[in-house]
Amino acid sequence: MLRIAIAGAAGRMGQTLMQAVQQRDGMSLSVATERTGSENIGRDAGEIAGIGCIGVEVTDVLVASEFDLLIDFTTPENTLNNLDVCAQAKIPIVVGTTGFSDAELERIKGYSANIPICQAANFSTGVTLCLQLLEQAAKALGEESDIEIVEAHHRHKVDAPSGTALAMGNVIANTLGRDPSRTFVFSREGQIGARDPASIGFSVIRAGDIVGDHTVVFASEGERIEITHKASSRMAFAQGAARAAAWLVNQPAGLYDMRDVLGLT
């Protein structure tokens, strides 16, 4: 039985991750962590997740001997601290946290020399397939189309654009040989002039309880193609993360993503 630790267990995503882990054959929740001072410390993790008492108390200390793999969808600072623990103990980790700086991403690459890490901005199978479609669309349409990415999330999301939107933009930019630092446009206001045909624009919506919507628009003269993914439940991400965990535990040290998990690379 694969023993799974969940970081940020009391959060919306953490609760869904605990549900997905307990539902999947061959794995079970053995550790659930929360930030120091959380009112949930000491509570039964199963009760927090709405799946009944499972005998796992929420703690603020990550003890390596108590789990075989960590799933972390928290914050960059917390995730990097947990990576330190996993790297020292040679424990694989699934990282769904977004909002890392370039320097922090380099740190993660460094850790992957010693342990297997599966990092993705989005663990949904549908989003992973969308990234493959976007690569094909960029090859066929990118040089003749204006490209815009529109994403929407709930009011509590703290980073913008979403990691998924940035991943989509990076796939397109890489396919077209464009430098994201020069071509990504994150804001428009006032007299901005005509659109740079090489630019890739981003628009962000934060409202209500939207789980996650992403649309990429390829607009040319006379026609427009839109590739859209809409998430109606966090369970899609949680089940993908659990699938990634089951796959990752058998891999050598390295940095992987969901395309590797699904055999699409």
Protein backbone atom coordinates (compact mmCIF):
# COMPACT_ATOMS: atom_id res chain seq x y z
CA MET A 1 0.00 0.00 0.00
CA LEU A 2 1.45 3.36 -1.05
CA ARG A 3 1.38 5.79 1.87
CA ILE A 4 0.49 9.31 0.73
CA ALA A 5 1.05 12.62 2.51
CA ILE A 6 -1.10 15.61 1.59
CA ALA A 7 0.12 19.16 2.28
CA GLY A 8 -2.47 21.87 2.89
CA ALA A 9 -5.00 19.24 3.86
CA ALA A 10 -7.70 21.60 5.13
CA GLY A 11 -7.86 23.71 1.98
CA ARG A 12 -10.39 23.14 -0.79
CA MET A 13 -7.87 21.31 -2.97
CA GLY A 14 -6.35 19.47 -0.02
CA GLN A 15 -9.73 18.05 0.98
CA THR A 16 -10.38 16.88 -2.57
CA LEU A 17 -6.92 15.31 -2.79
CA MET A 18 -7.57 13.34 0.40
CA GLN A 19 -10.84 12.07 -1.05
CA ALA A 20 -9.13 11.00 -4.29
CA VAL A 21 -6.30 9.21 -2.48
CA GLN A 22 -8.69 7.27 -0.25
CA GLN A 23 -10.78 6.28 -3.27
CA ARG A 24 -7.86 4.94 -5.30
CA ASP A 25 -6.82 1.30 -5.00
CA GLY A 26 -3.30 0.70 -3.77
CA MET A 27 -2.84 3.91 -1.81
CA SER A 28 -4.00 5.46 1.42
CA LEU A 29 -3.57 8.71 3.31
CA SER A 30 -0.95 8.43 6.06
CA VAL A 31 -0.04 12.10 6.67
CA ALA A 32 -2.02 15.35 6.42
CA THR A 33 -0.31 18.66 7.14
CA GLU A 34 -1.45 22.22 7.71
CA ARG A 35 0.33 25.46 8.54
CA THR A 36 1.49 26.02 12.11
CA GLY A 37 -1.27 27.63 14.15
CA SER A 38 -4.10 26.28 12.01
CA GLU A 39 -7.29 25.53 13.92
CA ASN A 40 -7.34 22.17 12.14
CA ILE A 41 -4.19 20.82 13.81
CA GLY A 42 -5.13 17.65 15.73
CA ARG A 43 -8.39 17.07 13.86
CA ASP A 44 -9.00 13.84 11.99
CA ALA A 45 -8.14 14.39 8.32
CA GLY A 46 -10.99 12.20 7.13
CA GLU A 47 -13.55 14.27 8.99
CA ILE A 48 -12.16 17.44 7.39
CA ALA A 49 -12.42 15.81 3.96
CA GLY A 50 -15.96 14.61 4.64
CA ILE A 51 -15.10 10.92 4.34
CA GLY A 52 -15.38 9.94 7.99
CA CYS A 53 -12.77 9.25 10.65
CA ILE A 54 -9.67 7.53 9.22
CA GLY A 55 -7.32 7.80 12.20
CA VAL A 56 -4.93 10.33 10.62
CA GLU A 57 -4.53 13.53 12.62
CA VAL A 58 -3.63 16.79 10.89
CA THR A 59 -0.15 17.96 11.90
CA ASP A 60 2.19 20.85 11.14
CA VAL A 61 5.29 18.64 10.97
CA LEU A 62 6.25 16.58 7.93
CA VAL A 63 7.99 13.39 9.15
CA ALA A 64 9.64 11.53 6.27
CA SER A 65 9.37 8.07 7.82
CA GLU A 66 5.57 8.30 7.82
CA PHE A 67 4.92 8.50 4.07
CA ASP A 68 6.15 7.18 0.70
CA LEU A 69 5.12 10.11 -1.51
CA LEU A 70 3.95 13.68 -0.97
CA ILE A 71 1.30 15.55 -2.95
CA ASP A 72 1.65 19.32 -2.53
CA PHE A 73 -0.78 21.92 -3.91
CA THR A 74 0.02 24.75 -1.50
CA THR A 75 2.27 27.82 -1.86
CA PRO A 76 5.74 28.21 -3.37
CA GLU A 77 7.39 28.82 0.00
CA ASN A 78 5.72 25.84 1.66
CA THR A 79 6.33 23.55 -1.29
CA LEU A 80 10.04 24.38 -1.39
CA ASN A 81 10.32 23.64 2.33
CA ASN A 82 8.62 20.30 1.77
CA LEU A 83 10.93 19.58 -1.16
CA ASP A 84 13.84 19.93 1.25
CA VAL A 85 12.35 17.20 3.43
CA CYS A 86 11.61 14.92 0.47
CA ALA A 87 15.03 15.42 -1.12
CA GLN A 88 16.85 14.55 2.09
CA ALA A 89 14.78 11.37 2.50
CA LYS A 90 14.74 10.43 -1.23
CA ILE A 91 10.94 10.59 -1.37
CA PRO A 92 9.04 11.37 -4.61
CA ILE A 93 6.76 14.40 -4.73
CA VAL A 94 3.84 15.51 -6.91
CA VAL A 95 3.80 19.32 -7.18
CA GLY A 96 0.62 21.13 -8.22
CA THR A 97 1.61 24.46 -6.68
CA THR A 98 1.77 27.43 -9.07
CA GLY A 99 3.21 30.92 -8.89
CA PHE A 100 6.90 29.97 -8.65
CA SER A 101 9.51 32.51 -9.68
CA ASP A 102 12.14 31.58 -12.28
CA ALA A 103 14.70 31.14 -9.50
CA GLU A 104 12.35 28.84 -7.58
CA LEU A 105 11.72 26.76 -10.70
CA GLU A 106 15.47 26.32 -11.01
CA ARG A 107 15.57 25.06 -7.42
CA ILE A 108 12.96 22.46 -8.29
CA LYS A 109 15.06 21.32 -11.25
CA GLY A 110 17.97 20.95 -8.85
CA TYR A 111 15.94 18.75 -6.52
CA SER A 112 14.93 16.53 -9.46
CA ALA A 113 18.53 15.38 -9.82
CA ASN A 114 18.02 13.42 -6.59
CA ILE A 115 14.33 12.50 -6.49
CA PRO A 116 11.47 11.96 -8.94
CA ILE A 117 9.26 15.05 -9.18
CA CYS A 118 6.06 15.35 -11.18
CA GLN A 119 5.26 19.04 -11.58
CA ALA A 120 2.35 20.41 -13.57
CA ALA A 121 0.31 23.57 -13.58
CA ASN A 122 -2.76 21.41 -14.05
CA PHE A 123 -3.18 17.67 -13.40
CA SER A 124 -6.41 17.32 -15.35
CA THR A 125 -6.27 14.76 -18.15
CA GLY A 126 -8.34 17.12 -20.30
CA VAL A 127 -5.95 20.04 -19.85
CA THR A 128 -2.99 17.80 -20.66
CA LEU A 129 -4.67 16.81 -23.92
CA CYS A 130 -5.45 20.49 -24.60
CA LEU A 131 -1.73 21.27 -24.39
CA GLN A 132 -1.12 18.68 -27.12
CA LEU A 133 -3.87 20.21 -29.25
CA LEU A 134 -2.44 23.70 -28.74
CA GLU A 135 0.93 22.58 -30.04
CA GLN A 136 -0.73 21.26 -33.20
CA ALA A 137 -2.88 24.37 -33.58
CA ALA A 138 0.13 26.65 -33.15
CA LYS A 139 2.00 24.80 -35.90
CA ALA A 140 -0.93 25.09 -38.29
CA LEU A 141 -2.36 28.51 -37.36
CA GLY A 142 0.06 30.40 -35.16
CA GLU A 143 1.90 32.43 -37.77
CA GLU A 144 -1.33 33.65 -39.37
CA SER A 145 -3.45 34.21 -36.26
CA ASP A 146 -3.73 36.59 -33.34
CA ILE A 147 -3.49 34.48 -30.18
CA GLU A 148 -5.29 35.30 -26.93
CA ILE A 149 -5.66 33.27 -23.73
CA VAL A 150 -8.60 33.89 -21.40
CA GLU A 151 -8.76 32.23 -17.97
CA ALA A 152 -11.27 32.40 -15.13
CA HIS A 153 -11.01 31.20 -11.51
CA HIS A 154 -12.68 31.68 -8.16
CA ARG A 155 -12.26 34.87 -6.15
CA HIS A 156 -9.79 33.28 -3.71
CA LYS A 157 -7.07 32.38 -6.24
CA VAL A 158 -3.96 34.40 -5.38
CA ASP A 159 -1.81 34.17 -8.54
CA ALA A 160 -2.59 35.53 -11.99
CA PRO A 161 -2.48 34.51 -14.74
CA SER A 162 -3.05 30.93 -13.68
CA GLY A 163 -0.24 28.43 -14.00
CA THR A 164 -2.35 26.59 -16.57
CA ALA A 165 -2.74 29.72 -18.72
CA LEU A 166 1.00 30.31 -18.59
CA ALA A 167 1.65 26.67 -19.50
CA MET A 168 -0.63 27.06 -22.50
CA GLY A 169 1.16 30.23 -23.53
CA ASN A 170 4.55 28.57 -23.16
CA VAL A 171 3.54 25.63 -25.35
CA ILE A 172 2.45 28.03 -28.07
CA ALA A 173 5.50 30.28 -27.73
CA ASN A 174 7.91 27.33 -27.79
CA THR A 175 6.19 25.88 -30.86
CA LEU A 176 6.45 29.21 -32.69
CA GLY A 177 9.95 30.00 -31.49
CA ARG A 178 8.85 33.12 -29.63
CA ASP A 179 10.39 34.48 -26.43
CA PRO A 180 7.66 34.65 -23.73
CA SER A 181 9.39 37.58 -22.01
CA ARG A 182 9.00 39.62 -25.19
CA THR A 183 5.70 38.38 -26.58
CA PHE A 184 3.44 37.74 -23.56
CA VAL A 185 1.10 40.69 -22.94
CA PHE A 186 -0.58 40.74 -19.52
CA SER A 187 -2.34 44.12 -19.54
CA ARG A 188 -3.77 46.63 -21.99
CA GLU A 189 -5.00 50.09 -21.11
CA GLY A 190 -5.26 53.44 -22.87
CA GLN A 191 -3.87 54.23 -26.30
CA ILE A 192 -1.85 51.08 -26.87
CA GLY A 193 -1.61 51.20 -30.66
CA ALA A 194 -2.13 48.36 -33.11
CA ARG A 195 -1.68 44.82 -31.92
CA ASP A 196 1.78 43.30 -32.33
CA PRO A 197 1.12 40.22 -34.49
CA ALA A 198 3.73 38.23 -32.53
CA SER A 199 2.13 38.92 -29.16
CA ILE A 200 0.24 36.37 -27.06
CA GLY A 201 -2.33 38.11 -24.87
CA PHE A 202 -3.65 37.05 -21.48
CA SER A 203 -6.96 38.02 -19.86
CA VAL A 204 -7.87 37.12 -16.27
CA ILE A 205 -11.23 36.77 -14.52
CA ARG A 206 -11.53 36.26 -10.75
CA ALA A 207 -15.10 35.77 -9.61
CA GLY A 208 -17.42 33.63 -7.52
CA ASP A 209 -16.62 29.94 -7.21
CA ILE A 210 -15.34 29.26 -10.74
CA VAL A 211 -13.21 26.11 -10.52
CA GLY A 212 -11.18 26.83 -13.65
CA ASP A 213 -11.94 27.83 -17.26
CA HIS A 214 -9.33 28.29 -19.98
CA THR A 215 -9.84 29.32 -23.61
CA VAL A 216 -7.18 29.89 -26.24
CA VAL A 217 -8.29 31.89 -29.28
CA PHE A 218 -6.59 31.71 -32.69
CA ALA A 219 -8.21 34.59 -34.63
CA SER A 220 -7.42 35.26 -38.29
CA GLU A 221 -9.18 37.08 -41.12
CA GLY A 222 -12.56 35.47 -41.64
CA GLU A 223 -12.44 32.76 -38.99
CA ARG A 224 -11.68 32.05 -35.35
CA ILE A 225 -10.77 28.79 -33.64
CA GLU A 226 -11.15 28.40 -29.86
CA ILE A 227 -9.80 25.56 -27.76
CA THR A 228 -11.52 25.49 -24.37
CA HIS A 229 -11.30 23.48 -21.19
CA LYS A 230 -13.81 23.94 -18.37
CA ALA A 231 -13.43 22.26 -14.99
CA SER A 232 -16.62 21.68 -13.03
CA SER A 233 -14.98 19.98 -10.04
CA ARG A 234 -11.57 19.93 -8.36
CA MET A 235 -11.85 16.15 -8.38
CA ALA A 236 -10.57 16.13 -11.97
CA PHE A 237 -7.29 17.64 -10.74
CA ALA A 238 -7.16 15.45 -7.63
CA GLN A 239 -7.69 12.20 -9.53
CA GLY A 240 -4.99 13.24 -11.98
CA ALA A 241 -2.60 13.92 -9.10
CA ALA A 242 -3.35 10.51 -7.58
CA ARG A 243 -2.73 8.89 -10.96
CA ALA A 244 0.55 10.78 -11.21
CA ALA A 245 1.53 9.59 -7.73
CA ALA A 246 0.94 5.94 -8.61
CA TRP A 247 3.09 6.38 -11.73
CA LEU A 248 5.84 8.52 -10.20
CA VAL A 249 6.74 6.16 -7.36
CA ASN A 250 8.20 3.73 -9.91
CA GLN A 251 10.30 6.31 -11.79
CA PRO A 252 13.97 7.26 -11.39
CA ALA A 253 15.03 10.74 -10.27
CA GLY A 254 13.98 13.40 -12.76
CA LEU A 255 11.48 16.15 -13.52
CA TYR A 256 8.25 14.91 -15.09
CA ASP A 257 4.83 16.31 -15.99
CA MET A 258 1.39 14.94 -16.79
CA ARG A 259 2.31 14.28 -20.41
CA ASP A 260 4.85 11.78 -19.11
CA VAL A 261 2.25 10.21 -16.84
CA LEU A 262 -0.18 9.78 -19.75
CA GLY A 263 2.52 8.55 -22.14
CA LEU A 264 2.12 11.52 -24.49
CA THR A 265 5.77 12.59 -24.62
